[in-house]
Amino acid sequence: MYVVVNAAMSADGKLSTRERRQIRISGPEDFERVDRLRAESDAVMVGVGTVLADDPSLTLDDRDLVAEREAMGRDPHPARVVADSHARTPPDASILDDTAKSFVLVAEEEPTEHVQSLATAGAEMVVAGENRVELPEAFEKLENRGVERLMVEGGGELIFSLFEADLVDELHTFVGPKVIGGRDAPTLADGEGFVVDFPELDLVNVERIDDGVLLSYDV
């Protein structure tokens, strides 16, 4: 599976406020770029923290992109994926609506009733790992379900876990003209952090978009 991580962060590297409240960092031109990245993907993934904080739908906004996918014989929208070890996704979350296929990645030990409630809401459950989702195993199962190109939109805990598991192929980060601050505000890669064997990035493009800059890396 080919994995593309995309995120927008403030000039000081924050994804949102310390209250986990999402604020607008990028503008219309970058929104169009993100929509195109989604359209090129088989699925779009977030962590459960993003679902609980923002309730995203992760569907395409541009109807022309929807039409392009349909003309190629693809589903109108990419599938949605939630990394959710303990099945905390609300059954009425937007990401589980019937607009597109939805996968929820859970751990084996999660109580059956939680998993069943999400399955009833329309999610296809992917079980991988004993007490937390093992991403390599989960990605192998997603690939068996037709996901060959995956776009990841956050949050910081998930992005760190992907780098830790050596699963990222590309990183695109839009740096916007805001300072958010806060030692507890989420960053691009949270989690435990690296102390050795830091992931190496190869800067392949720098582009001014709206009032910020897009940095594109191969990993």
N, C-alpha and C. Protein backbone atom coordinates (compact mmCIF):
# COMPACT_ATOMS: atom_id res chain seq x y z
N MET A 1 0.83 -1.19 0.00
CA MET A 1 0.00 0.00 0.00
C MET A 1 0.87 1.26 0.00
N TYR A 2 0.46 2.26 -0.77
CA TYR A 2 1.18 3.52 -0.84
C TYR A 2 0.47 4.52 0.06
N VAL A 3 1.21 5.13 0.99
CA VAL A 3 0.61 5.97 2.03
C VAL A 3 1.10 7.41 1.89
N VAL A 4 0.15 8.34 1.75
CA VAL A 4 0.43 9.76 1.64
C VAL A 4 -0.15 10.46 2.86
N VAL A 5 0.69 11.13 3.63
CA VAL A 5 0.23 11.92 4.78
C VAL A 5 0.12 13.37 4.36
N ASN A 6 -1.03 13.97 4.65
CA ASN A 6 -1.24 15.39 4.35
C ASN A 6 -1.80 16.09 5.58
N ALA A 7 -1.23 17.27 5.88
CA ALA A 7 -1.70 18.01 7.05
C ALA A 7 -1.46 19.49 6.85
N ALA A 8 -2.27 20.29 7.52
CA ALA A 8 -2.06 21.75 7.58
C ALA A 8 -1.69 22.09 9.00
N MET A 9 -0.63 22.90 9.15
CA MET A 9 -0.22 23.29 10.50
C MET A 9 0.11 24.77 10.53
N SER A 10 0.10 25.32 11.73
CA SER A 10 0.44 26.72 11.91
C SER A 10 1.94 26.92 11.73
N ALA A 11 2.36 28.18 11.72
CA ALA A 11 3.79 28.48 11.56
C ALA A 11 4.62 27.90 12.69
N ASP A 12 3.99 27.65 13.85
CA ASP A 12 4.71 27.04 14.97
C ASP A 12 4.41 25.55 15.09
N GLY A 13 3.90 24.94 14.03
CA GLY A 13 3.80 23.49 13.97
C GLY A 13 2.61 22.86 14.66
N LYS A 14 1.55 23.63 14.91
CA LYS A 14 0.37 23.09 15.61
C LYS A 14 -0.73 22.75 14.61
N LEU A 15 -1.42 21.63 14.88
CA LEU A 15 -2.54 21.22 14.04
C LEU A 15 -3.85 21.86 14.48
N SER A 16 -3.98 22.15 15.78
CA SER A 16 -5.19 22.76 16.31
C SER A 16 -4.83 23.38 17.66
N THR A 17 -5.82 23.93 18.34
CA THR A 17 -5.57 24.55 19.64
C THR A 17 -5.38 23.50 20.72
N ARG A 18 -4.96 23.93 21.90
CA ARG A 18 -4.78 22.99 23.01
C ARG A 18 -6.08 22.32 23.42
N GLU A 19 -7.22 22.93 23.05
CA GLU A 19 -8.54 22.33 23.32
C GLU A 19 -8.95 21.34 22.24
N ARG A 20 -8.02 21.08 21.30
CA ARG A 20 -8.28 20.20 20.15
C ARG A 20 -9.37 20.79 19.25
N ARG A 21 -9.48 22.11 19.24
CA ARG A 21 -10.45 22.78 18.39
C ARG A 21 -9.79 23.15 17.07
N GLN A 22 -10.37 22.68 15.98
CA GLN A 22 -9.81 22.93 14.67
C GLN A 22 -10.07 24.37 14.25
N ILE A 23 -9.04 25.04 13.74
CA ILE A 23 -9.21 26.38 13.20
C ILE A 23 -8.75 26.37 11.75
N ARG A 24 -9.19 27.36 11.01
CA ARG A 24 -8.85 27.41 9.58
C ARG A 24 -7.41 27.89 9.43
N ILE A 25 -6.57 27.05 8.86
CA ILE A 25 -5.16 27.37 8.67
C ILE A 25 -4.87 27.69 7.21
N SER A 26 -5.43 26.90 6.30
CA SER A 26 -5.18 27.12 4.87
C SER A 26 -6.38 27.79 4.22
N GLY A 27 -6.27 28.06 2.91
CA GLY A 27 -7.31 28.77 2.19
C GLY A 27 -7.87 27.98 1.02
N PRO A 28 -8.63 28.66 0.13
CA PRO A 28 -9.34 27.96 -0.95
C PRO A 28 -8.44 27.16 -1.88
N GLU A 29 -7.27 27.70 -2.22
CA GLU A 29 -6.39 27.01 -3.14
C GLU A 29 -5.88 25.70 -2.53
N ASP A 30 -5.58 25.74 -1.25
CA ASP A 30 -5.11 24.51 -0.61
C ASP A 30 -6.25 23.52 -0.42
N PHE A 31 -7.46 24.01 -0.15
CA PHE A 31 -8.60 23.11 -0.05
C PHE A 31 -8.79 22.33 -1.36
N GLU A 32 -8.61 23.03 -2.50
CA GLU A 32 -8.72 22.36 -3.79
C GLU A 32 -7.65 21.29 -3.95
N ARG A 33 -6.44 21.61 -3.51
CA ARG A 33 -5.34 20.63 -3.59
C ARG A 33 -5.66 19.39 -2.76
N VAL A 34 -6.18 19.59 -1.55
CA VAL A 34 -6.51 18.47 -0.68
C VAL A 34 -7.63 17.63 -1.29
N ASP A 35 -8.62 18.29 -1.90
CA ASP A 35 -9.70 17.56 -2.53
C ASP A 35 -9.17 16.69 -3.66
N ARG A 36 -8.19 17.22 -4.42
CA ARG A 36 -7.60 16.44 -5.50
C ARG A 36 -6.84 15.23 -4.95
N LEU A 37 -6.09 15.42 -3.86
CA LEU A 37 -5.39 14.30 -3.23
C LEU A 37 -6.37 13.22 -2.79
N ARG A 38 -7.49 13.65 -2.21
CA ARG A 38 -8.52 12.68 -1.81
C ARG A 38 -9.04 11.92 -3.02
N ALA A 39 -9.32 12.65 -4.10
CA ALA A 39 -9.89 12.02 -5.29
C ALA A 39 -8.94 10.99 -5.90
N GLU A 40 -7.64 11.21 -5.74
CA GLU A 40 -6.65 10.28 -6.30
C GLU A 40 -6.44 9.06 -5.42
N SER A 41 -7.06 9.03 -4.25
CA SER A 41 -6.83 7.97 -3.27
C SER A 41 -7.97 6.96 -3.27
N ASP A 42 -7.65 5.75 -2.84
CA ASP A 42 -8.68 4.73 -2.67
C ASP A 42 -9.41 4.91 -1.35
N ALA A 43 -8.72 5.50 -0.36
CA ALA A 43 -9.33 5.71 0.95
C ALA A 43 -8.63 6.87 1.63
N VAL A 44 -9.35 7.51 2.56
CA VAL A 44 -8.83 8.61 3.36
C VAL A 44 -8.96 8.22 4.83
N MET A 45 -7.90 8.41 5.60
CA MET A 45 -7.84 7.90 6.97
C MET A 45 -7.58 9.00 7.99
N VAL A 46 -8.24 8.88 9.15
CA VAL A 46 -7.96 9.73 10.30
C VAL A 46 -7.97 8.86 11.55
N GLY A 47 -7.47 9.41 12.65
CA GLY A 47 -7.57 8.74 13.93
C GLY A 47 -8.89 9.08 14.61
N VAL A 48 -9.26 8.31 15.60
CA VAL A 48 -10.54 8.52 16.26
C VAL A 48 -10.59 9.87 16.97
N GLY A 49 -9.43 10.39 17.41
CA GLY A 49 -9.42 11.70 18.05
C GLY A 49 -9.92 12.78 17.12
N THR A 50 -9.56 12.69 15.84
CA THR A 50 -10.05 13.64 14.85
C THR A 50 -11.55 13.50 14.66
N VAL A 51 -12.04 12.27 14.66
CA VAL A 51 -13.48 12.05 14.52
C VAL A 51 -14.24 12.67 15.69
N LEU A 52 -13.74 12.45 16.90
CA LEU A 52 -14.42 12.97 18.09
C LEU A 52 -14.36 14.49 18.16
N ALA A 53 -13.25 15.09 17.69
CA ALA A 53 -13.10 16.54 17.79
C ALA A 53 -13.81 17.29 16.67
N ASP A 54 -13.77 16.73 15.44
CA ASP A 54 -14.23 17.49 14.27
C ASP A 54 -15.41 16.88 13.52
N ASP A 55 -15.70 15.60 13.74
CA ASP A 55 -16.75 14.90 13.01
C ASP A 55 -16.65 15.12 11.50
N PRO A 56 -15.51 14.81 10.88
CA PRO A 56 -15.36 15.05 9.43
C PRO A 56 -16.11 13.99 8.62
N SER A 57 -16.49 14.38 7.40
CA SER A 57 -17.11 13.40 6.50
C SER A 57 -16.07 12.78 5.56
N LEU A 58 -14.99 13.54 5.26
CA LEU A 58 -13.89 13.09 4.40
C LEU A 58 -14.33 12.76 2.99
N THR A 59 -15.43 13.36 2.53
CA THR A 59 -15.90 13.17 1.17
C THR A 59 -15.38 14.30 0.27
N LEU A 60 -15.56 14.15 -1.03
CA LEU A 60 -15.10 15.15 -1.99
C LEU A 60 -16.09 16.31 -2.07
N ASP A 61 -15.56 17.51 -2.16
CA ASP A 61 -16.40 18.70 -2.31
C ASP A 61 -16.65 19.04 -3.77
N ASP A 62 -15.67 18.78 -4.63
CA ASP A 62 -15.74 19.16 -6.03
C ASP A 62 -16.52 18.10 -6.82
N ARG A 63 -17.66 18.50 -7.37
CA ARG A 63 -18.48 17.54 -8.10
C ARG A 63 -17.79 17.06 -9.37
N ASP A 64 -16.88 17.89 -9.94
CA ASP A 64 -16.14 17.45 -11.12
C ASP A 64 -15.23 16.28 -10.78
N LEU A 65 -14.63 16.31 -9.58
CA LEU A 65 -13.78 15.20 -9.15
C LEU A 65 -14.60 13.94 -8.93
N VAL A 66 -15.80 14.10 -8.41
CA VAL A 66 -16.71 12.96 -8.26
C VAL A 66 -17.01 12.35 -9.63
N ALA A 67 -17.31 13.22 -10.60
CA ALA A 67 -17.63 12.75 -11.95
C ALA A 67 -16.43 12.06 -12.59
N GLU A 68 -15.22 12.57 -12.35
CA GLU A 68 -14.02 11.94 -12.89
C GLU A 68 -13.85 10.52 -12.36
N ARG A 69 -14.07 10.36 -11.06
CA ARG A 69 -13.95 9.03 -10.47
C ARG A 69 -14.99 8.08 -11.06
N GLU A 70 -16.21 8.56 -11.20
CA GLU A 70 -17.27 7.71 -11.74
C GLU A 70 -16.97 7.34 -13.20
N ALA A 71 -16.41 8.27 -13.95
CA ALA A 71 -16.08 7.99 -15.36
C ALA A 71 -15.02 6.91 -15.48
N MET A 72 -14.18 6.77 -14.45
CA MET A 72 -13.15 5.73 -14.44
C MET A 72 -13.65 4.43 -13.83
N GLY A 73 -14.94 4.38 -13.50
CA GLY A 73 -15.51 3.18 -12.92
C GLY A 73 -15.24 3.02 -11.44
N ARG A 74 -14.85 4.10 -10.78
CA ARG A 74 -14.57 4.05 -9.35
C ARG A 74 -15.78 4.55 -8.56
N ASP A 75 -15.79 4.28 -7.27
CA ASP A 75 -16.84 4.83 -6.42
C ASP A 75 -16.77 6.35 -6.44
N PRO A 76 -17.88 7.05 -6.27
CA PRO A 76 -17.87 8.51 -6.33
C PRO A 76 -16.92 9.16 -5.33
N HIS A 77 -16.81 8.59 -4.15
CA HIS A 77 -15.94 9.12 -3.11
C HIS A 77 -14.99 8.01 -2.64
N PRO A 78 -13.79 8.36 -2.20
CA PRO A 78 -12.92 7.34 -1.61
C PRO A 78 -13.53 6.80 -0.33
N ALA A 79 -13.12 5.60 0.05
CA ALA A 79 -13.56 5.04 1.32
C ALA A 79 -12.98 5.86 2.48
N ARG A 80 -13.63 5.78 3.63
CA ARG A 80 -13.14 6.44 4.83
C ARG A 80 -12.64 5.39 5.82
N VAL A 81 -11.53 5.68 6.50
CA VAL A 81 -10.92 4.75 7.44
C VAL A 81 -10.68 5.48 8.76
N VAL A 82 -11.06 4.84 9.88
CA VAL A 82 -10.80 5.38 11.21
C VAL A 82 -9.94 4.40 11.98
N ALA A 83 -8.80 4.86 12.50
CA ALA A 83 -7.99 4.06 13.41
C ALA A 83 -8.58 4.26 14.81
N ASP A 84 -9.18 3.22 15.36
CA ASP A 84 -9.99 3.37 16.58
C ASP A 84 -9.87 2.09 17.42
N SER A 85 -8.75 1.94 18.10
CA SER A 85 -8.46 0.70 18.82
C SER A 85 -9.61 0.25 19.72
N HIS A 86 -10.26 1.20 20.40
CA HIS A 86 -11.26 0.85 21.41
C HIS A 86 -12.69 1.18 20.99
N ALA A 87 -12.91 1.30 19.68
CA ALA A 87 -14.26 1.48 19.13
C ALA A 87 -15.00 2.65 19.78
N ARG A 88 -14.35 3.80 19.80
CA ARG A 88 -14.96 4.99 20.40
C ARG A 88 -15.70 5.86 19.40
N THR A 89 -15.64 5.51 18.12
CA THR A 89 -16.34 6.28 17.11
C THR A 89 -17.84 6.26 17.37
N PRO A 90 -18.51 7.42 17.44
CA PRO A 90 -19.97 7.43 17.65
C PRO A 90 -20.68 6.79 16.45
N PRO A 91 -21.70 5.98 16.72
CA PRO A 91 -22.42 5.35 15.61
C PRO A 91 -23.05 6.35 14.64
N ASP A 92 -23.30 7.59 15.12
CA ASP A 92 -23.90 8.59 14.23
C ASP A 92 -22.86 9.53 13.63
N ALA A 93 -21.58 9.18 13.69
CA ALA A 93 -20.53 10.02 13.13
C ALA A 93 -20.71 10.18 11.62
N SER A 94 -20.36 11.35 11.11
CA SER A 94 -20.51 11.62 9.67
C SER A 94 -19.70 10.67 8.82
N ILE A 95 -18.59 10.20 9.36
CA ILE A 95 -17.70 9.33 8.60
C ILE A 95 -18.33 7.95 8.35
N LEU A 96 -19.44 7.65 9.04
CA LEU A 96 -20.11 6.37 8.87
C LEU A 96 -21.38 6.48 8.04
N ASP A 97 -21.64 7.67 7.45
CA ASP A 97 -22.86 7.78 6.66
C ASP A 97 -22.74 6.95 5.39
N ASP A 98 -23.82 6.92 4.61
CA ASP A 98 -23.84 6.03 3.45
C ASP A 98 -23.31 6.68 2.18
N THR A 99 -22.62 7.83 2.31
CA THR A 99 -22.05 8.50 1.14
C THR A 99 -20.94 7.66 0.51
N ALA A 100 -20.17 6.99 1.34
CA ALA A 100 -19.05 6.18 0.86
C ALA A 100 -18.82 5.03 1.84
N LYS A 101 -18.03 4.07 1.41
CA LYS A 101 -17.70 2.94 2.26
C LYS A 101 -16.86 3.41 3.45
N SER A 102 -17.04 2.78 4.60
CA SER A 102 -16.28 3.14 5.80
C SER A 102 -15.68 1.91 6.44
N PHE A 103 -14.41 2.03 6.86
CA PHE A 103 -13.71 0.99 7.61
C PHE A 103 -13.34 1.53 8.98
N VAL A 104 -13.52 0.74 10.01
CA VAL A 104 -13.06 1.11 11.35
C VAL A 104 -12.07 0.04 11.81
N LEU A 105 -10.85 0.48 12.11
CA LEU A 105 -9.80 -0.43 12.57
C LEU A 105 -9.88 -0.54 14.08
N VAL A 106 -10.05 -1.75 14.61
CA VAL A 106 -10.17 -1.95 16.05
C VAL A 106 -9.25 -3.07 16.52
N ALA A 107 -9.02 -3.11 17.84
CA ALA A 107 -8.21 -4.16 18.44
C ALA A 107 -9.07 -5.37 18.80
N GLU A 108 -8.44 -6.51 18.94
CA GLU A 108 -9.16 -7.76 19.20
C GLU A 108 -9.92 -7.75 20.52
N GLU A 109 -9.38 -7.07 21.53
CA GLU A 109 -9.98 -7.16 22.86
C GLU A 109 -11.19 -6.24 23.04
N GLU A 110 -11.52 -5.44 22.05
CA GLU A 110 -12.62 -4.50 22.21
C GLU A 110 -13.95 -5.27 22.38
N PRO A 111 -14.80 -4.87 23.35
CA PRO A 111 -16.07 -5.56 23.59
C PRO A 111 -16.92 -5.68 22.34
N THR A 112 -17.53 -6.84 22.19
CA THR A 112 -18.31 -7.13 21.00
C THR A 112 -19.42 -6.14 20.77
N GLU A 113 -20.07 -5.65 21.86
CA GLU A 113 -21.21 -4.75 21.66
C GLU A 113 -20.80 -3.42 21.04
N HIS A 114 -19.59 -2.94 21.37
CA HIS A 114 -19.11 -1.70 20.75
C HIS A 114 -18.88 -1.90 19.26
N VAL A 115 -18.23 -3.00 18.93
CA VAL A 115 -17.95 -3.30 17.53
C VAL A 115 -19.25 -3.50 16.76
N GLN A 116 -20.20 -4.18 17.37
CA GLN A 116 -21.46 -4.46 16.70
C GLN A 116 -22.24 -3.18 16.42
N SER A 117 -22.17 -2.22 17.35
CA SER A 117 -22.90 -0.97 17.14
C SER A 117 -22.36 -0.21 15.94
N LEU A 118 -21.04 -0.27 15.73
CA LEU A 118 -20.45 0.41 14.58
C LEU A 118 -20.76 -0.35 13.28
N ALA A 119 -20.75 -1.67 13.36
CA ALA A 119 -21.10 -2.47 12.18
C ALA A 119 -22.55 -2.22 11.78
N THR A 120 -23.42 -2.09 12.76
CA THR A 120 -24.83 -1.80 12.49
C THR A 120 -24.99 -0.43 11.85
N ALA A 121 -24.11 0.51 12.24
CA ALA A 121 -24.16 1.86 11.68
C ALA A 121 -23.62 1.92 10.26
N GLY A 122 -23.05 0.83 9.77
CA GLY A 122 -22.60 0.78 8.38
C GLY A 122 -21.12 0.61 8.17
N ALA A 123 -20.34 0.52 9.26
CA ALA A 123 -18.89 0.39 9.11
C ALA A 123 -18.50 -1.06 8.84
N GLU A 124 -17.46 -1.23 8.04
CA GLU A 124 -16.84 -2.54 7.88
C GLU A 124 -15.70 -2.61 8.88
N MET A 125 -15.76 -3.56 9.81
CA MET A 125 -14.79 -3.63 10.89
C MET A 125 -13.55 -4.39 10.43
N VAL A 126 -12.39 -3.85 10.78
CA VAL A 126 -11.10 -4.49 10.47
C VAL A 126 -10.38 -4.70 11.80
N VAL A 127 -10.23 -5.94 12.22
CA VAL A 127 -9.62 -6.26 13.51
C VAL A 127 -8.15 -6.58 13.29
N ALA A 128 -7.28 -5.86 14.03
CA ALA A 128 -5.84 -6.06 13.88
C ALA A 128 -5.14 -5.64 15.16
N GLY A 129 -4.46 -6.58 15.82
CA GLY A 129 -3.78 -6.27 17.06
C GLY A 129 -4.60 -6.66 18.27
N GLU A 130 -3.91 -6.99 19.36
CA GLU A 130 -4.60 -7.51 20.55
C GLU A 130 -5.27 -6.41 21.36
N ASN A 131 -4.49 -5.42 21.85
CA ASN A 131 -5.10 -4.37 22.67
C ASN A 131 -5.00 -2.98 22.06
N ARG A 132 -4.32 -2.85 20.93
CA ARG A 132 -4.35 -1.64 20.13
C ARG A 132 -4.13 -2.02 18.68
N VAL A 133 -4.58 -1.20 17.78
CA VAL A 133 -4.48 -1.52 16.37
C VAL A 133 -3.02 -1.63 15.94
N GLU A 134 -2.67 -2.76 15.35
CA GLU A 134 -1.36 -2.95 14.74
C GLU A 134 -1.47 -2.49 13.29
N LEU A 135 -0.90 -1.34 13.00
CA LEU A 135 -1.11 -0.72 11.70
C LEU A 135 -0.61 -1.56 10.52
N PRO A 136 0.57 -2.20 10.59
CA PRO A 136 0.99 -3.02 9.43
C PRO A 136 -0.02 -4.12 9.11
N GLU A 137 -0.53 -4.79 10.13
CA GLU A 137 -1.52 -5.84 9.90
C GLU A 137 -2.81 -5.25 9.35
N ALA A 138 -3.23 -4.13 9.92
CA ALA A 138 -4.46 -3.49 9.46
C ALA A 138 -4.34 -3.04 8.01
N PHE A 139 -3.18 -2.50 7.63
CA PHE A 139 -3.00 -2.03 6.27
C PHE A 139 -2.99 -3.20 5.28
N GLU A 140 -2.43 -4.32 5.70
CA GLU A 140 -2.46 -5.50 4.83
C GLU A 140 -3.90 -5.93 4.58
N LYS A 141 -4.73 -5.87 5.62
CA LYS A 141 -6.13 -6.25 5.46
C LYS A 141 -6.89 -5.23 4.60
N LEU A 142 -6.56 -3.95 4.75
CA LEU A 142 -7.18 -2.94 3.90
C LEU A 142 -6.79 -3.15 2.44
N GLU A 143 -5.52 -3.48 2.22
CA GLU A 143 -5.05 -3.72 0.85
C GLU A 143 -5.80 -4.89 0.22
N ASN A 144 -6.10 -5.90 1.02
CA ASN A 144 -6.86 -7.04 0.53
C ASN A 144 -8.30 -6.65 0.18
N ARG A 145 -8.73 -5.52 0.71
CA ARG A 145 -10.07 -5.00 0.42
C ARG A 145 -10.05 -3.93 -0.67
N GLY A 146 -8.92 -3.80 -1.35
CA GLY A 146 -8.86 -2.91 -2.50
C GLY A 146 -8.25 -1.55 -2.27
N VAL A 147 -7.71 -1.29 -1.07
CA VAL A 147 -7.10 0.01 -0.79
C VAL A 147 -5.61 -0.07 -1.13
N GLU A 148 -5.24 0.50 -2.26
CA GLU A 148 -3.84 0.48 -2.69
C GLU A 148 -3.15 1.82 -2.44
N ARG A 149 -3.92 2.90 -2.45
CA ARG A 149 -3.37 4.24 -2.18
C ARG A 149 -4.20 4.86 -1.06
N LEU A 150 -3.54 5.16 0.05
CA LEU A 150 -4.21 5.67 1.24
C LEU A 150 -3.71 7.07 1.56
N MET A 151 -4.64 7.99 1.76
CA MET A 151 -4.31 9.35 2.19
C MET A 151 -4.64 9.46 3.67
N VAL A 152 -3.70 9.97 4.46
CA VAL A 152 -3.89 10.12 5.91
C VAL A 152 -3.93 11.61 6.24
N GLU A 153 -4.97 12.03 6.97
CA GLU A 153 -5.16 13.44 7.27
C GLU A 153 -4.99 13.77 8.76
N GLY A 154 -4.49 12.85 9.56
CA GLY A 154 -4.25 13.17 10.97
C GLY A 154 -5.05 12.28 11.89
N GLY A 155 -4.92 12.54 13.18
CA GLY A 155 -4.13 13.58 13.79
C GLY A 155 -2.70 13.18 14.10
N GLY A 156 -2.10 13.97 15.01
CA GLY A 156 -0.69 13.82 15.30
C GLY A 156 -0.30 12.47 15.88
N GLU A 157 -1.16 11.87 16.70
CA GLU A 157 -0.85 10.56 17.28
C GLU A 157 -0.78 9.50 16.19
N LEU A 158 -1.74 9.54 15.28
CA LEU A 158 -1.76 8.57 14.18
C LEU A 158 -0.57 8.77 13.26
N ILE A 159 -0.26 10.01 12.93
CA ILE A 159 0.86 10.28 12.03
C ILE A 159 2.17 9.78 12.64
N PHE A 160 2.38 10.03 13.94
CA PHE A 160 3.59 9.51 14.58
C PHE A 160 3.63 7.99 14.49
N SER A 161 2.50 7.33 14.77
CA SER A 161 2.47 5.87 14.73
C SER A 161 2.80 5.34 13.34
N LEU A 162 2.38 6.04 12.32
CA LEU A 162 2.69 5.62 10.95
C LEU A 162 4.18 5.75 10.66
N PHE A 163 4.78 6.86 11.09
CA PHE A 163 6.22 7.00 10.91
C PHE A 163 6.97 5.96 11.74
N GLU A 164 6.50 5.71 12.95
CA GLU A 164 7.15 4.72 13.81
C GLU A 164 7.14 3.34 13.17
N ALA A 165 6.06 3.02 12.46
CA ALA A 165 5.92 1.71 11.81
C ALA A 165 6.51 1.70 10.40
N ASP A 166 7.13 2.82 9.98
CA ASP A 166 7.76 2.91 8.67
C ASP A 166 6.76 2.65 7.55
N LEU A 167 5.60 3.30 7.65
CA LEU A 167 4.54 3.07 6.68
C LEU A 167 4.27 4.26 5.77
N VAL A 168 4.98 5.36 5.94
CA VAL A 168 4.71 6.58 5.18
C VAL A 168 5.61 6.66 3.94
N ASP A 169 5.00 6.97 2.78
CA ASP A 169 5.76 7.14 1.54
C ASP A 169 5.94 8.61 1.18
N GLU A 170 4.94 9.43 1.42
CA GLU A 170 5.01 10.86 1.12
C GLU A 170 4.43 11.65 2.28
N LEU A 171 4.97 12.86 2.48
CA LEU A 171 4.44 13.80 3.46
C LEU A 171 4.26 15.15 2.80
N HIS A 172 3.04 15.68 2.89
CA HIS A 172 2.75 17.02 2.41
C HIS A 172 2.21 17.83 3.58
N THR A 173 2.84 18.96 3.86
CA THR A 173 2.36 19.78 4.97
C THR A 173 2.27 21.23 4.54
N PHE A 174 1.08 21.78 4.67
CA PHE A 174 0.86 23.20 4.40
C PHE A 174 1.12 23.96 5.69
N VAL A 175 2.01 24.95 5.63
CA VAL A 175 2.35 25.77 6.79
C VAL A 175 1.67 27.12 6.61
N GLY A 176 0.71 27.40 7.48
CA GLY A 176 -0.09 28.61 7.35
C GLY A 176 0.40 29.77 8.19
N PRO A 177 -0.11 30.98 7.94
CA PRO A 177 0.38 32.20 8.58
C PRO A 177 -0.29 32.48 9.91
N LYS A 178 -0.26 31.52 10.81
CA LYS A 178 -0.84 31.69 12.14
C LYS A 178 0.12 31.13 13.18
N VAL A 179 0.07 31.66 14.38
CA VAL A 179 0.75 31.08 15.53
C VAL A 179 -0.33 30.69 16.52
N ILE A 180 -0.37 29.41 16.88
CA ILE A 180 -1.39 28.90 17.80
C ILE A 180 -0.84 28.79 19.21
N GLY A 181 0.36 28.23 19.35
CA GLY A 181 0.98 28.12 20.65
C GLY A 181 0.32 27.07 21.54
N GLY A 182 0.90 26.87 22.73
CA GLY A 182 0.35 25.92 23.69
C GLY A 182 1.14 24.63 23.73
N ARG A 183 1.72 24.33 24.89
CA ARG A 183 2.52 23.11 24.98
C ARG A 183 1.68 21.86 24.80
N ASP A 184 0.37 21.98 25.02
CA ASP A 184 -0.50 20.81 24.89
C ASP A 184 -1.23 20.76 23.56
N ALA A 185 -0.99 21.73 22.69
CA ALA A 185 -1.63 21.71 21.38
C ALA A 185 -1.00 20.63 20.51
N PRO A 186 -1.80 19.87 19.76
CA PRO A 186 -1.25 18.77 18.95
C PRO A 186 -0.35 19.28 17.83
N THR A 187 0.70 18.51 17.57
CA THR A 187 1.64 18.83 16.50
C THR A 187 1.50 17.81 15.37
N LEU A 188 2.30 17.98 14.35
CA LEU A 188 2.22 17.09 13.19
C LEU A 188 2.45 15.63 13.57
N ALA A 189 3.38 15.38 14.49
CA ALA A 189 3.67 14.02 14.93
C ALA A 189 3.82 14.01 16.44
N ASP A 190 2.79 13.55 17.13
CA ASP A 190 2.83 13.49 18.60
C ASP A 190 3.32 12.11 19.04
N GLY A 191 2.59 11.43 19.91
CA GLY A 191 3.06 10.13 20.38
C GLY A 191 4.26 10.27 21.28
N GLU A 192 5.02 9.20 21.42
CA GLU A 192 6.16 9.20 22.34
C GLU A 192 7.35 9.98 21.78
N GLY A 193 7.46 10.11 20.48
CA GLY A 193 8.57 10.82 19.88
C GLY A 193 9.78 9.92 19.70
N PHE A 194 10.63 10.29 18.76
CA PHE A 194 11.84 9.51 18.47
C PHE A 194 13.01 10.05 19.28
N VAL A 195 13.88 9.15 19.73
CA VAL A 195 15.13 9.55 20.38
C VAL A 195 16.34 9.06 19.58
N VAL A 196 16.12 8.05 18.75
CA VAL A 196 17.14 7.58 17.80
C VAL A 196 16.40 7.17 16.52
N ASP A 197 17.16 6.91 15.46
CA ASP A 197 16.59 6.43 14.20
C ASP A 197 15.46 7.33 13.70
N PHE A 198 15.75 8.61 13.59
CA PHE A 198 14.75 9.57 13.13
C PHE A 198 14.41 9.33 11.66
N PRO A 199 13.13 9.39 11.29
CA PRO A 199 12.78 9.24 9.88
C PRO A 199 13.44 10.33 9.04
N GLU A 200 13.99 9.93 7.92
CA GLU A 200 14.66 10.87 7.03
C GLU A 200 13.70 11.27 5.91
N LEU A 201 13.66 12.59 5.61
CA LEU A 201 12.78 13.12 4.58
C LEU A 201 13.60 13.75 3.47
N ASP A 202 13.10 13.60 2.25
CA ASP A 202 13.75 14.19 1.08
C ASP A 202 12.81 15.27 0.53
N LEU A 203 13.18 16.53 0.68
CA LEU A 203 12.34 17.63 0.22
C LEU A 203 12.31 17.63 -1.31
N VAL A 204 11.11 17.47 -1.88
CA VAL A 204 11.00 17.37 -3.34
C VAL A 204 10.31 18.59 -3.95
N ASN A 205 9.60 19.38 -3.14
CA ASN A 205 8.94 20.55 -3.71
C ASN A 205 8.58 21.55 -2.62
N VAL A 206 8.70 22.83 -2.96
CA VAL A 206 8.25 23.93 -2.10
C VAL A 206 7.38 24.84 -2.97
N GLU A 207 6.17 25.13 -2.51
CA GLU A 207 5.23 25.90 -3.33
C GLU A 207 4.45 26.87 -2.45
N ARG A 208 4.39 28.13 -2.87
CA ARG A 208 3.56 29.09 -2.16
C ARG A 208 2.11 28.89 -2.57
N ILE A 209 1.23 28.72 -1.59
CA ILE A 209 -0.20 28.55 -1.82
C ILE A 209 -0.94 29.45 -0.85
N ASP A 210 -1.95 30.17 -1.37
CA ASP A 210 -2.68 31.12 -0.52
C ASP A 210 -1.66 32.01 0.20
N ASP A 211 -1.75 32.11 1.53
CA ASP A 211 -0.80 32.92 2.29
C ASP A 211 0.22 32.06 3.04
N GLY A 212 0.38 30.83 2.59
CA GLY A 212 1.32 29.94 3.26
C GLY A 212 2.22 29.23 2.27
N VAL A 213 2.83 28.15 2.73
CA VAL A 213 3.75 27.41 1.87
C VAL A 213 3.49 25.91 2.03
N LEU A 214 3.53 25.20 0.91
CA LEU A 214 3.37 23.76 0.92
C LEU A 214 4.72 23.11 0.78
N LEU A 215 5.06 22.24 1.75
CA LEU A 215 6.31 21.49 1.73
C LEU A 215 5.97 20.03 1.41
N SER A 216 6.61 19.49 0.38
CA SER A 216 6.35 18.11 -0.04
C SER A 216 7.63 17.28 0.09
N TYR A 217 7.51 16.14 0.75
CA TYR A 217 8.66 15.28 1.02
C TYR A 217 8.38 13.86 0.55
N ASP A 218 9.43 13.19 0.08
CA ASP A 218 9.43 11.73 0.00
C ASP A 218 10.07 11.22 1.28
N VAL A 219 9.63 10.07 1.74
CA VAL A 219 10.14 9.52 3.01
C VAL A 219 11.09 8.38 2.70
